[in-house]
Amino acid sequence: MEKKKKFLTEVALRNEYIKLFEAGNTENTSTYNDIRQRFTIAKARHIKIYYKTLEEWSKFKDIAIVNQIQANTEIGLKSGIKSKIDRLLELQEQIKKLNDELEANIMIVSTFAEGELLTGTRPMNAIEKTTINKTIKEIRAEISKIEGDYAPTKSAQTNSAGEDVATVAPTINVFSVNANLSHSETEVNV
């Protein structure tokens, strides 16, 4: 004896459709066959509820995707800004440490003697001071690049009214070059 199929309310039927849609089954005939195997449903009722549910589910899914993209973009922007600020702070901390070394005018030196690490201090020489100053200068240039202080300069050719002016590449008078070559050849041959 075959088991009697259950009749679903519209809300329950819509929930079954959504389960199928979420599983990737959004095709009309396929969803009808799947639902009909488990529940009692007329074809006209299926069509009416199927299309209405599919449309609402698609809109909801699109909104969810857009919201997720916006959330991901916000997170990316916040982390990008944070990392830029963090890099600037790290670079400025490096400059501070290098300036402290310059002010102290002392180098910490380490050597190994008889298998042991020995450390000590000595005054900085001129080469070490120059190297530290060069490093500070390079770090400051990097900070300026990050902050955009080196914006590109305008390279368009304009007239006094600010309108673009067509530029012409310099040309060589080919006839005069050929004339000079043939003239010099004749002098050599003579």
Protein backbone atom coordinates (compact mmCIF):
# COMPACT_ATOMS: atom_id res chain seq x y z
CA MET A 1 0.00 0.00 0.00
CA GLU A 2 1.35 3.38 -1.01
CA LYS A 3 1.82 5.99 1.70
CA LYS A 4 -0.54 8.98 1.39
CA LYS A 5 1.28 12.19 0.38
CA LYS A 6 1.02 15.23 2.60
CA PHE A 7 -0.64 18.45 1.44
CA LEU A 8 1.44 21.58 2.13
CA THR A 9 0.32 25.07 3.02
CA GLU A 10 1.60 27.87 0.80
CA VAL A 11 4.20 28.90 3.41
CA ALA A 12 5.48 25.33 3.80
CA LEU A 13 5.55 24.87 0.03
CA ARG A 14 7.53 28.09 -0.42
CA ASN A 15 10.03 26.86 2.20
CA GLU A 16 10.46 23.61 0.24
CA TYR A 17 11.10 25.57 -2.95
CA ILE A 18 13.69 27.75 -1.19
CA LYS A 19 15.49 24.60 0.04
CA LEU A 20 15.63 23.35 -3.56
CA PHE A 21 16.77 26.75 -4.87
CA GLU A 22 19.54 26.93 -2.27
CA ALA A 23 20.67 23.44 -3.32
CA GLY A 24 21.00 24.72 -6.90
CA ASN A 25 17.77 23.29 -8.29
CA THR A 26 15.88 26.26 -9.79
CA GLU A 27 14.52 24.61 -12.95
CA ASN A 28 10.70 24.55 -13.14
CA THR A 29 10.08 20.93 -14.19
CA SER A 30 12.76 19.52 -11.92
CA THR A 31 11.43 21.30 -8.83
CA TYR A 32 7.86 20.24 -9.68
CA ASN A 33 8.90 16.58 -9.98
CA ASP A 34 10.87 16.75 -6.73
CA ILE A 35 7.98 18.34 -4.79
CA ARG A 36 5.36 16.04 -6.40
CA GLN A 37 7.24 12.91 -5.29
CA ARG A 38 6.96 13.95 -1.64
CA PHE A 39 3.79 16.04 -1.47
CA THR A 40 0.38 16.44 -3.11
CA ILE A 41 0.39 19.42 -5.46
CA ALA A 42 -1.47 20.44 -8.59
CA LYS A 43 0.48 21.74 -11.61
CA ALA A 44 -1.37 25.10 -11.62
CA ARG A 45 -0.64 25.63 -7.91
CA HIS A 46 3.01 24.72 -8.49
CA ILE A 47 3.37 27.23 -11.32
CA LYS A 48 1.72 30.04 -9.34
CA ILE A 49 3.82 29.54 -6.20
CA TYR A 50 7.04 28.47 -7.99
CA TYR A 51 7.42 31.67 -10.05
CA LYS A 52 6.46 33.94 -7.17
CA THR A 53 8.92 32.20 -4.82
CA LEU A 54 11.72 32.11 -7.43
CA GLU A 55 11.36 35.85 -8.10
CA GLU A 56 11.42 36.74 -4.39
CA TRP A 57 14.32 34.36 -3.71
CA SER A 58 16.33 35.81 -6.64
CA LYS A 59 15.78 39.39 -5.42
CA PHE A 60 16.73 38.39 -1.87
CA LYS A 61 19.82 36.56 -3.14
CA ASP A 62 20.89 39.58 -5.26
CA ILE A 63 20.48 41.93 -2.30
CA ALA A 64 22.49 39.57 -0.09
CA ILE A 65 25.30 39.41 -2.68
CA VAL A 66 25.42 43.20 -3.03
CA ASN A 67 25.47 43.63 0.76
CA GLN A 68 28.29 41.10 1.09
CA ILE A 69 30.32 42.82 -1.63
CA GLN A 70 29.87 46.17 0.14
CA ALA A 71 30.89 44.65 3.48
CA ASN A 72 33.98 43.05 1.92
CA THR A 73 34.90 46.33 0.23
CA GLU A 74 34.58 48.25 3.49
CA ILE A 75 36.77 45.72 5.28
CA GLY A 76 39.36 45.92 2.49
CA LEU A 77 39.40 49.71 2.54
CA LYS A 78 39.70 49.84 6.31
CA SER A 79 42.56 47.35 6.34
CA GLY A 80 44.27 49.21 3.46
CA ILE A 81 44.08 52.50 5.33
CA LYS A 82 45.20 50.85 8.51
CA SER A 83 48.18 49.23 6.85
CA LYS A 84 49.21 52.55 5.25
CA ILE A 85 49.03 54.32 8.60
CA ASP A 86 50.87 51.45 10.26
CA ARG A 87 53.64 51.62 7.64
CA LEU A 88 54.01 55.35 8.16
CA LEU A 89 54.24 54.88 11.93
CA GLU A 90 56.84 52.13 11.53
CA LEU A 91 58.94 54.30 9.23
CA GLN A 92 58.73 57.25 11.62
CA GLU A 93 59.72 54.94 14.50
CA GLN A 94 62.79 53.87 12.48
CA ILE A 95 63.74 57.52 11.96
CA LYS A 96 63.37 58.17 15.69
CA LYS A 97 65.66 55.23 16.57
CA LEU A 98 68.26 56.34 14.03
CA ASN A 99 68.16 59.93 15.36
CA ASP A 100 68.60 58.59 18.92
CA GLU A 101 71.68 56.66 17.75
CA LEU A 102 73.09 59.80 16.13
CA GLU A 103 72.52 61.87 19.28
CA ALA A 104 74.12 59.22 21.48
CA ASN A 105 77.11 59.06 19.10
CA ILE A 106 77.82 55.54 20.35
CA MET A 107 77.93 52.29 18.37
CA ILE A 108 77.27 48.98 20.04
CA VAL A 109 79.77 46.42 18.82
CA SER A 110 79.62 42.67 19.26
CA THR A 111 82.34 40.09 18.78
CA PHE A 112 82.87 36.44 19.53
CA ALA A 113 85.86 35.60 21.65
CA GLU A 114 86.59 32.07 22.80
CA GLY A 115 83.03 31.00 21.90
CA GLU A 116 81.33 33.75 23.85
CA LEU A 117 79.51 36.84 22.60
CA LEU A 118 81.12 40.00 23.87
CA THR A 119 79.45 43.38 23.47
CA GLY A 120 80.80 46.84 23.98
CA THR A 121 80.49 50.44 22.83
CA ARG A 122 82.64 52.84 20.90
CA PRO A 123 82.22 56.32 19.40
CA MET A 124 80.72 56.52 15.88
CA ASN A 125 83.03 57.30 13.01
CA ALA A 126 82.17 59.67 10.15
CA ILE A 127 81.20 56.88 7.71
CA GLU A 128 78.67 55.43 10.18
CA LYS A 129 77.14 58.87 10.77
CA THR A 130 76.89 59.46 7.03
CA THR A 131 75.29 56.06 6.53
CA ILE A 132 72.67 56.74 9.23
CA ASN A 133 71.90 60.17 7.75
CA LYS A 134 71.53 58.62 4.29
CA THR A 135 69.17 55.98 5.69
CA ILE A 136 67.07 58.66 7.40
CA LYS A 137 66.88 60.58 4.13
CA GLU A 138 65.76 57.44 2.25
CA ILE A 139 63.09 56.70 4.86
CA ARG A 140 61.78 60.28 4.63
CA ALA A 141 61.59 59.91 0.84
CA GLU A 142 59.61 56.70 1.28
CA ILE A 143 57.20 58.47 3.65
CA SER A 144 56.75 61.24 1.09
CA LYS A 145 55.98 58.67 -1.62
CA ILE A 146 53.39 56.95 0.57
CA GLU A 147 51.73 60.28 1.35
CA GLY A 148 51.76 61.26 -2.34
CA ASP A 149 54.04 64.26 -2.03
CA TYR A 150 55.67 63.40 -5.35
CA ALA A 151 52.66 63.97 -7.61
CA PRO A 152 53.32 63.80 -11.34
CA THR A 153 53.93 67.13 -13.04
CA LYS A 154 51.93 68.38 -15.99
CA SER A 155 53.58 67.48 -19.25
CA ALA A 156 50.98 68.64 -21.79
CA GLN A 157 51.93 71.43 -24.14
CA THR A 158 49.45 74.33 -23.85
CA ASN A 159 49.20 77.88 -25.10
CA SER A 160 48.60 80.95 -22.90
CA ALA A 161 44.84 80.25 -22.91
CA GLY A 162 45.42 76.74 -21.52
CA GLU A 163 44.41 74.97 -24.74
CA ASP A 164 46.35 71.94 -25.96
CA VAL A 165 48.93 72.65 -28.63
CA ALA A 166 49.93 69.98 -31.11
CA THR A 167 53.60 69.13 -30.83
CA VAL A 168 55.68 68.42 -33.90
CA ALA A 169 58.67 66.12 -33.78
CA PRO A 170 61.89 67.68 -35.05
CA THR A 171 62.66 66.78 -38.65
CA ILE A 172 65.90 66.52 -40.57
CA ASN A 173 66.23 67.91 -44.04
CA VAL A 174 67.04 64.67 -45.83
CA PHE A 175 67.94 66.39 -49.08
CA SER A 176 70.64 68.50 -47.48
CA VAL A 177 72.11 65.45 -45.70
CA ASN A 178 72.21 63.49 -48.96
CA ALA A 179 73.70 66.45 -50.78
CA ASN A 180 76.42 66.73 -48.15
CA LEU A 181 77.17 63.02 -48.36
CA SER A 182 77.45 63.03 -52.11
CA HIS A 183 79.56 66.19 -51.97
CA SER A 184 81.95 64.61 -49.49
CA GLU A 185 82.13 61.41 -51.54
CA THR A 186 83.14 63.35 -54.58
CA GLU A 187 85.86 65.09 -52.61
CA VAL A 188 87.21 61.74 -51.41
CA ASN A 189 87.19 60.20 -54.86
CA VAL A 190 89.07 63.06 -56.45
